[in-house]
Protein backbone atom coordinates (compact mmCIF):
# COMPACT_ATOMS: atom_id res chain seq x y z
CA MET A 1 96.72 -19.94 -80.54
CA MET A 2 96.15 -16.51 -79.05
CA TRP A 3 94.39 -15.18 -82.15
CA LYS A 4 91.95 -18.13 -82.05
CA PHE A 5 91.09 -17.28 -78.45
CA LEU A 6 90.51 -13.61 -79.32
CA PHE A 7 88.29 -14.57 -82.29
CA LEU A 8 86.20 -16.86 -80.05
CA LEU A 9 85.88 -14.13 -77.40
CA ILE A 10 84.71 -11.53 -79.96
CA SER A 11 82.15 -14.00 -81.41
CA CYS A 12 80.70 -14.80 -78.00
CA THR A 13 80.46 -11.08 -77.15
CA SER A 14 78.56 -10.40 -80.40
CA VAL A 15 76.09 -13.23 -79.80
CA TYR A 16 75.50 -12.09 -76.20
CA SER A 17 74.82 -8.52 -77.37
CA GLN A 18 72.21 -9.78 -79.87
CA ILE A 19 70.46 -11.81 -77.14
CA ILE A 20 70.30 -8.80 -74.80
CA GLU A 21 68.98 -6.54 -77.58
CA LYS A 22 66.26 -9.05 -78.49
CA SER A 23 65.26 -9.42 -74.83
CA ASP A 24 64.95 -5.62 -74.45
CA ARG A 25 62.74 -5.40 -77.52
CA GLN A 26 60.39 -8.03 -76.08
CA LYS A 27 60.12 -6.14 -72.79
CA THR A 28 59.20 -2.80 -74.35
CA TYR A 29 55.59 -3.74 -75.19
CA ARG A 30 53.34 -0.78 -75.89
CA GLN A 31 49.64 -0.93 -75.11
CA PRO A 32 47.30 -0.11 -77.99
CA GLU A 33 46.38 3.57 -77.92
CA ASP A 34 42.65 2.84 -77.66
CA PHE A 35 42.98 0.35 -74.76
CA SER A 36 42.42 2.99 -72.09
CA SER A 37 39.30 4.32 -73.81
CA VAL A 38 37.68 0.88 -73.71
CA TRP A 39 38.36 0.24 -70.02
CA ASN A 40 38.41 3.76 -68.59
CA ASP A 41 35.62 3.94 -66.01
CA SER A 42 36.43 7.26 -64.42
CA PRO A 43 34.09 8.13 -61.52
CA GLN A 44 33.51 11.53 -63.13
CA GLU A 45 32.29 9.99 -66.38
CA GLN A 46 28.47 9.95 -66.68
CA ARG A 47 27.30 7.57 -69.39
CA VAL A 48 23.84 7.92 -70.87
CA VAL A 49 21.76 4.75 -70.48
CA SER A 50 19.54 3.63 -73.35
CA HIS A 51 15.93 4.76 -72.86
CA GLY A 52 14.43 1.65 -74.41
CA PHE A 53 14.71 -1.15 -76.93
CA GLY A 54 15.15 -0.07 -80.54
CA SER A 55 12.62 2.59 -81.45
CA VAL A 56 10.39 1.84 -78.43
CA LEU A 57 11.43 4.40 -75.82
CA LEU A 58 10.31 5.49 -72.37
CA GLY A 59 8.20 8.65 -72.46
CA GLN A 60 6.38 7.76 -75.70
CA SER A 61 2.60 7.84 -75.89
CA LEU A 62 0.48 4.70 -76.28
CA GLN A 63 -0.06 5.41 -79.97
CA GLU A 64 3.66 5.96 -80.59
CA VAL A 65 4.54 2.69 -78.87
CA LYS A 66 1.92 0.79 -80.91
CA GLU A 67 3.31 2.14 -84.17
CA ASN A 68 6.91 1.40 -83.19
CA LEU A 69 6.04 -2.14 -82.10
CA LEU A 70 4.40 -2.83 -85.46
CA SER A 71 7.56 -1.77 -87.30
CA ASN A 72 9.97 -3.64 -85.00
CA ILE A 73 10.89 -7.10 -86.32
CA PHE A 74 11.81 -8.39 -82.84
CA PHE A 75 8.27 -8.07 -81.45
CA ASN A 76 5.31 -10.19 -82.51
CA TYR A 77 2.81 -7.42 -81.88
CA GLN A 78 -0.76 -8.26 -82.98
CA GLY A 79 -2.43 -4.91 -82.35
CA ASP A 80 -5.06 -3.88 -79.77
CA PRO A 81 -5.76 -7.40 -78.38
CA ALA A 82 -2.35 -7.13 -76.69
CA VAL A 83 -3.48 -4.02 -74.77
CA SER A 84 -5.02 -4.39 -71.32
CA PHE A 85 -5.52 -2.09 -68.31
CA ARG A 86 -4.14 -2.38 -64.81
CA PRO A 87 -7.07 -2.71 -62.38
CA PHE A 88 -5.74 -0.37 -59.68
CA ASN A 89 -5.17 2.69 -61.90
CA GLN A 90 -6.63 1.84 -65.33
CA GLN A 91 -3.32 2.61 -67.03
CA PRO A 92 -2.67 0.62 -70.23
CA VAL A 93 -0.27 -2.32 -70.46
CA ILE A 94 0.87 -3.93 -73.70
CA THR A 95 1.84 -7.59 -73.29
CA ILE A 96 3.47 -9.50 -76.14
CA GLU A 97 3.77 -13.26 -75.89
CA ALA A 98 6.81 -15.38 -76.70
CA ASN A 99 8.97 -14.55 -79.68
CA TYR A 100 12.36 -15.81 -80.85
CA PHE A 101 14.46 -13.74 -78.42
CA PHE A 102 11.73 -12.99 -75.87
CA ARG A 103 9.59 -15.20 -73.67
CA GLU A 104 7.43 -12.14 -72.98
CA ALA A 105 7.65 -8.38 -73.40
CA GLN A 106 5.57 -5.92 -71.38
CA PHE A 107 5.15 -2.16 -71.78
CA GLN A 108 3.58 -0.32 -68.84
CA PHE A 109 2.18 3.20 -69.02
CA SER A 110 1.73 5.87 -66.39
CA GLU A 111 0.03 9.21 -67.01
CA ASP A 112 -0.35 8.19 -70.67
CA MET A 113 3.40 7.77 -71.18
CA LEU A 114 5.51 4.62 -71.38
CA SER A 115 7.18 4.33 -67.98
CA VAL A 116 8.42 0.73 -67.70
CA ILE A 117 9.66 -1.81 -70.25
CA VAL A 118 10.02 -5.43 -69.07
CA LEU A 119 11.78 -7.83 -71.43
CA SER A 120 11.85 -11.48 -70.34
CA LEU A 121 14.55 -12.99 -72.53
CA ASN A 122 14.68 -16.48 -74.00
CA PRO A 123 17.48 -18.45 -72.25
CA LYS A 124 17.82 -20.68 -75.30
CA GLN A 125 19.06 -17.70 -77.31
CA VAL A 126 20.86 -15.45 -74.78
CA ASP A 127 22.25 -15.79 -71.28
CA TYR A 128 22.71 -13.61 -68.21
CA TYR A 129 26.48 -13.26 -68.49
CA THR A 130 26.33 -12.22 -72.16
CA MET A 131 23.86 -9.46 -71.29
CA PHE A 132 26.03 -8.39 -68.36
CA GLN A 133 29.09 -8.11 -70.63
CA LEU A 134 27.07 -6.15 -73.18
CA PHE A 135 25.89 -3.58 -70.63
CA VAL A 136 29.33 -3.19 -69.06
CA SER A 137 30.86 -2.56 -72.50
CA LYS A 138 28.20 0.08 -73.26
CA TYR A 139 27.64 1.74 -69.88
CA GLY A 140 30.69 0.89 -67.76
CA ASN A 141 30.56 -0.28 -64.16
CA ALA A 142 27.13 -0.83 -62.64
CA THR A 143 25.74 1.80 -60.29
CA GLU A 144 24.05 -0.82 -58.09
CA VAL A 145 24.83 -4.50 -57.49
CA HIS A 146 22.26 -6.70 -55.75
CA PRO A 147 21.95 -10.50 -55.44
CA GLN A 148 18.85 -10.38 -57.64
CA PHE A 149 19.83 -7.67 -60.12
CA ILE A 150 22.53 -5.37 -61.46
CA ALA A 151 21.60 -1.78 -62.38
CA TRP A 152 22.93 1.08 -64.48
CA GLU A 153 21.35 4.52 -64.39
CA ASP A 154 21.62 8.09 -65.55
CA GLN A 155 19.57 11.14 -64.58
CA GLU A 156 16.41 9.86 -66.27
CA VAL A 157 16.48 6.06 -66.61
CA ILE A 158 17.28 2.97 -64.54
CA LEU A 159 18.35 -0.09 -66.51
CA ARG A 160 18.15 -3.37 -64.59
CA LEU A 161 19.43 -6.82 -65.51
CA GLU A 162 17.44 -9.12 -63.23
CA ARG A 163 17.77 -12.81 -62.51
CA PRO A 164 17.05 -15.22 -63.96
CA LEU A 165 17.00 -13.30 -67.29
CA THR A 166 14.96 -10.09 -67.44
CA VAL A 167 15.86 -6.60 -68.65
CA LYS A 168 13.91 -3.63 -67.29
CA TYR A 169 13.94 0.01 -68.40
CA ILE A 170 12.36 2.20 -65.71
CA ALA A 171 11.62 5.92 -65.92
CA LYS A 172 13.29 7.31 -62.81
CA GLU A 173 10.53 9.83 -62.06
CA ILE A 174 7.86 7.12 -62.08
CA PHE A 175 10.06 4.76 -60.07
CA GLU A 176 10.50 7.38 -57.34
CA ILE A 177 6.75 8.10 -57.27
CA SER A 178 5.93 4.38 -56.98
CA ASP A 179 8.39 4.06 -54.10
CA ASP A 180 6.41 6.72 -52.25
CA THR A 181 2.90 5.51 -53.06
CA GLU A 182 2.24 2.12 -54.64
CA LEU A 183 4.81 0.30 -52.50
CA LYS A 184 3.54 1.53 -49.13
CA THR A 185 2.64 -1.13 -46.57
CA PRO A 186 -1.13 -1.81 -46.80
CA SER A 187 -3.30 -0.95 -43.82
CA LEU A 188 -5.11 -3.59 -41.73
CA ASP A 189 -8.41 -2.69 -43.41
CA GLU A 190 -6.85 -3.11 -46.85
CA LYS A 191 -5.44 -6.50 -45.88
CA LYS A 192 -8.82 -7.59 -44.49
CA ASN A 193 -10.54 -6.52 -47.69
CA PHE A 194 -7.95 -8.40 -49.73
CA PHE A 195 -8.37 -11.68 -47.82
CA GLU A 196 -12.17 -11.46 -48.12
CA GLN A 197 -11.85 -11.67 -51.90
CA PHE A 198 -10.79 -15.35 -51.82
């Protein structure tokens, strides 16, 4: 009788040891080695923001932008009829009407260089949250969060994702100049002149 009890005790001890060993193996989960590189948003890390869409980049001349638009399959560029001039400074603007992914695309120039790209996206093809996820995966945490937009920037470019669904690339130098000049509060005489035009 005693030997049966000892055999049962040894069997139970062996089974218990196997359960504990299995439980320990499940607890010792190792993170993938590249996990930290995907989610590491160190404050010291300065990511370079894209300077434009595809081959169309801020800082290019009007002729360069025209050529790059013609070769870009995502833009339905029809040549010079898409080029107009802003009335207050006579700088060129290229406006491209609706395409598959875009409702409208606009390319604004300042001092004969591309300074602002405005891409109004088609909500039937993309959505705000998808674009937000894309930019976070590429550029990390946003540098500015506002109810109407989220922004990423480096030393040269500001990238904005604006509601409802617009992406803007802005040359920082031009943006700072416009803050100082074009966005000043108009004088009373300027307002009076404006209202007389109606």
